[in-house]
């Protein structure tokens, strides 16, 4: 169980980082289209 928790935390960090990057890229695309 102890070794399982860090994996969940890592996955959560990875997903949130990916989502943040996606949002930043989309914002940049919108600025480019304007």
Protein backbone atom coordinates (compact mmCIF):
# COMPACT_ATOMS: atom_id res chain seq x y z
CA UNK A 1 0.00 0.00 0.00
CA UNK A 2 2.82 2.41 0.88
CA UNK A 3 4.48 1.83 -2.50
CA UNK A 4 1.17 2.30 -4.26
CA UNK A 5 0.46 5.84 -3.02
CA UNK A 6 3.48 7.58 -4.67
CA UNK A 7 2.39 6.05 -7.98
CA UNK A 8 -1.03 7.69 -7.67
CA UNK A 9 0.60 11.02 -6.76
CA UNK A 10 2.97 10.75 -9.72
CA UNK A 11 0.09 9.93 -12.08
CA UNK A 12 -1.91 12.89 -10.76
CA UNK A 13 1.06 15.23 -11.23
CA UNK A 14 1.69 13.89 -14.73
CA UNK A 15 -1.96 14.33 -15.76
CA UNK A 16 -2.26 17.83 -14.29
CA UNK A 17 1.00 18.85 -15.99
CA UNK A 18 -0.25 17.48 -19.32
CA UNK A 19 -3.57 19.30 -18.94
CA UNK A 20 -1.78 22.55 -18.08
CA UNK A 21 0.44 22.23 -21.15
CA UNK A 22 -2.60 21.50 -23.34
CA UNK A 23 -4.37 24.62 -22.02
CA UNK A 24 -1.28 26.78 -22.58
CA UNK A 25 -0.90 25.47 -26.13
CA UNK A 26 -4.58 26.12 -26.88
CA UNK A 27 -4.30 29.68 -25.52
CA UNK A 28 -1.24 30.24 -27.69
CA UNK A 29 -3.11 28.89 -30.73
CA UNK A 30 -6.02 31.25 -30.06
CA UNK A 31 -3.63 34.21 -29.83
CA UNK A 32 -2.08 33.16 -33.13
CA UNK A 33 -5.49 32.91 -34.81
CA UNK A 34 -6.46 36.38 -33.55
